[in-house]
Amino acid sequence: MKHEVEHKNSGLYAARDIEGALMKLEEDTDCDRLSESANLLGNKIVKTYNKRNKDYDKKTKNGKLEGVNTKNFI
């Protein structure tokens, strides 16, 4: 479970970072421009955390080095 908790934490950290970044966006009366800025920012943060997850899986051999065994789930 520890391995999957780390993946869950990546999602939570990404959400926290996205929320913080959105709060810092300058006000804009143009909704389309604001939406585009928010989406670009959010996608950049998600990409960072997706890479974190991939690196974590690579480092742990998808959890095998932490004792993950798929037979435990089947």
C-alpha atoms as a PDB file:
ATOM      1  CA  MET A   1       0.000   0.000   0.000  1.00  0.00           C
ATOM      2  CA  LYS A   2       2.905   2.378   0.682  1.00  0.00           C
ATOM      3  CA  HIS A   3       3.743   2.439  -3.013  1.00  0.00           C
ATOM      4  CA  GLU A   4       0.214   3.373  -4.050  1.00  0.00           C
ATOM      5  CA  VAL A   5      -0.013   5.957  -1.264  1.00  0.00           C
ATOM      6  CA  GLU A   6       2.993   7.698  -2.826  1.00  0.00           C
ATOM      7  CA  HIS A   7       1.117   7.889  -6.138  1.00  0.00           C
ATOM      8  CA  LYS A   8      -1.960   9.224  -4.327  1.00  0.00           C
ATOM      9  CA  ASN A   9       0.228  11.819  -2.636  1.00  0.00           C
ATOM     10  CA  SER A  10       1.486  12.995  -6.029  1.00  0.00           C
ATOM     11  CA  GLY A  11      -2.096  13.726  -6.999  1.00  0.00           C
ATOM     12  CA  LEU A  12      -2.740  15.571  -3.758  1.00  0.00           C
ATOM     13  CA  TYR A  13       0.456  17.606  -4.101  1.00  0.00           C
ATOM     14  CA  ALA A  14      -0.455  18.453  -7.687  1.00  0.00           C
ATOM     15  CA  ALA A  15      -3.913  19.620  -6.602  1.00  0.00           C
ATOM     16  CA  ARG A  16      -2.381  21.766  -3.853  1.00  0.00           C
ATOM     17  CA  ASP A  17       0.107  23.311  -6.264  1.00  0.00           C
ATOM     18  CA  ILE A  18      -2.568  23.966  -8.880  1.00  0.00           C
ATOM     19  CA  GLU A  19      -4.811  25.642  -6.332  1.00  0.00           C
ATOM     20  CA  GLY A  20      -1.939  27.819  -5.114  1.00  0.00           C
ATOM     21  CA  ALA A  21      -0.945  28.773  -8.639  1.00  0.00           C
ATOM     22  CA  LEU A  22      -4.510  29.644  -9.605  1.00  0.00           C
ATOM     23  CA  MET A  23      -4.864  31.884  -6.578  1.00  0.00           C
ATOM     24  CA  LYS A  24      -1.852  33.855  -7.813  1.00  0.00           C
ATOM     25  CA  LEU A  25      -3.214  34.417 -11.327  1.00  0.00           C
ATOM     26  CA  GLU A  26      -3.917  38.035 -12.082  1.00  0.00           C
ATOM     27  CA  GLU A  27      -7.547  38.959 -12.485  1.00  0.00           C
ATOM     28  CA  ASP A  28      -8.651  39.149 -16.079  1.00  0.00           C
ATOM     29  CA  THR A  29     -11.982  40.315 -17.414  1.00  0.00           C
ATOM     30  CA  ASP A  30     -11.526  38.153 -20.505  1.00  0.00           C
ATOM     31  CA  CYS A  31     -12.836  34.720 -19.439  1.00  0.00           C
ATOM     32  CA  ASP A  32     -11.326  32.933 -22.438  1.00  0.00           C
ATOM     33  CA  ARG A  33      -7.868  34.338 -21.739  1.00  0.00           C
ATOM     34  CA  LEU A  34      -8.156  33.535 -18.029  1.00  0.00           C
ATOM     35  CA  SER A  35      -9.331  30.006 -18.799  1.00  0.00           C
ATOM     36  CA  GLU A  36      -6.433  29.463 -21.190  1.00  0.00           C
ATOM     37  CA  SER A  37      -3.913  30.725 -18.632  1.00  0.00           C
ATOM     38  CA  ALA A  38      -5.388  28.527 -15.905  1.00  0.00           C
ATOM     39  CA  ASN A  39      -5.383  25.445 -18.120  1.00  0.00           C
ATOM     40  CA  LEU A  40      -1.810  25.989 -19.270  1.00  0.00           C
ATOM     41  CA  LEU A  41      -0.681  26.397 -15.685  1.00  0.00           C
ATOM     42  CA  GLY A  42      -2.621  23.362 -14.453  1.00  0.00           C
ATOM     43  CA  ASN A  43      -1.401  21.164 -17.293  1.00  0.00           C
ATOM     44  CA  LYS A  44       2.206  22.146 -16.613  1.00  0.00           C
ATOM     45  CA  ILE A  45       1.857  21.164 -12.955  1.00  0.00           C
ATOM     46  CA  VAL A  46       0.125  17.867 -13.809  1.00  0.00           C
ATOM     47  CA  LYS A  47       2.923  17.083 -16.266  1.00  0.00           C
ATOM     48  CA  THR A  48       5.494  17.640 -13.510  1.00  0.00           C
ATOM     49  CA  TYR A  49       3.716  15.245 -11.154  1.00  0.00           C
ATOM     50  CA  ASN A  50       3.164  12.660 -13.900  1.00  0.00           C
ATOM     51  CA  LYS A  51       6.924  12.670 -14.398  1.00  0.00           C
ATOM     52  CA  ARG A  52       7.380  12.302 -10.627  1.00  0.00           C
ATOM     53  CA  ASN A  53       5.160   9.199 -10.710  1.00  0.00           C
ATOM     54  CA  LYS A  54       7.012   7.698 -13.665  1.00  0.00           C
ATOM     55  CA  ASP A  55      10.371   8.362 -12.014  1.00  0.00           C
ATOM     56  CA  TYR A  56       9.106   6.800  -8.775  1.00  0.00           C
ATOM     57  CA  ASP A  57       7.922   3.679 -10.620  1.00  0.00           C
ATOM     58  CA  LYS A  58      11.245   3.444 -12.428  1.00  0.00           C
ATOM     59  CA  LYS A  59      13.201   3.873  -9.180  1.00  0.00           C
ATOM     60  CA  THR A  60      11.128   1.223  -7.378  1.00  0.00           C
ATOM     61  CA  LYS A  61      10.623  -1.047 -10.401  1.00  0.00           C
ATOM     62  CA  ASN A  62       6.879  -0.411 -10.109  1.00  0.00           C
ATOM     63  CA  GLY A  63       7.027  -1.104  -6.401  1.00  0.00           C
ATOM     64  CA  LYS A  64       8.837  -4.454  -6.587  1.00  0.00           C
ATOM     65  CA  LEU A  65      11.774  -3.039  -4.624  1.00  0.00           C
ATOM     66  CA  GLU A  66       9.262  -2.062  -1.929  1.00  0.00           C
ATOM     67  CA  GLY A  67       7.724  -5.508  -1.734  1.00  0.00           C
ATOM     68  CA  VAL A  68       4.806  -5.004  -4.104  1.00  0.00           C
ATOM     69  CA  ASN A  69       3.656  -8.307  -5.524  1.00  0.00           C
ATOM     70  CA  THR A  70       0.718  -8.388  -7.923  1.00  0.00           C
ATOM     71  CA  LYS A  71      -0.209 -11.856  -6.641  1.00  0.00           C
ATOM     72  CA  ASN A  72      -1.307 -10.097  -3.447  1.00  0.00           C
ATOM     73  CA  PHE A  73      -4.018  -8.310  -5.428  1.00  0.00           C
ATOM     74  CA  ILE A  74      -5.299 -11.111  -7.628  1.00  0.00           C
END
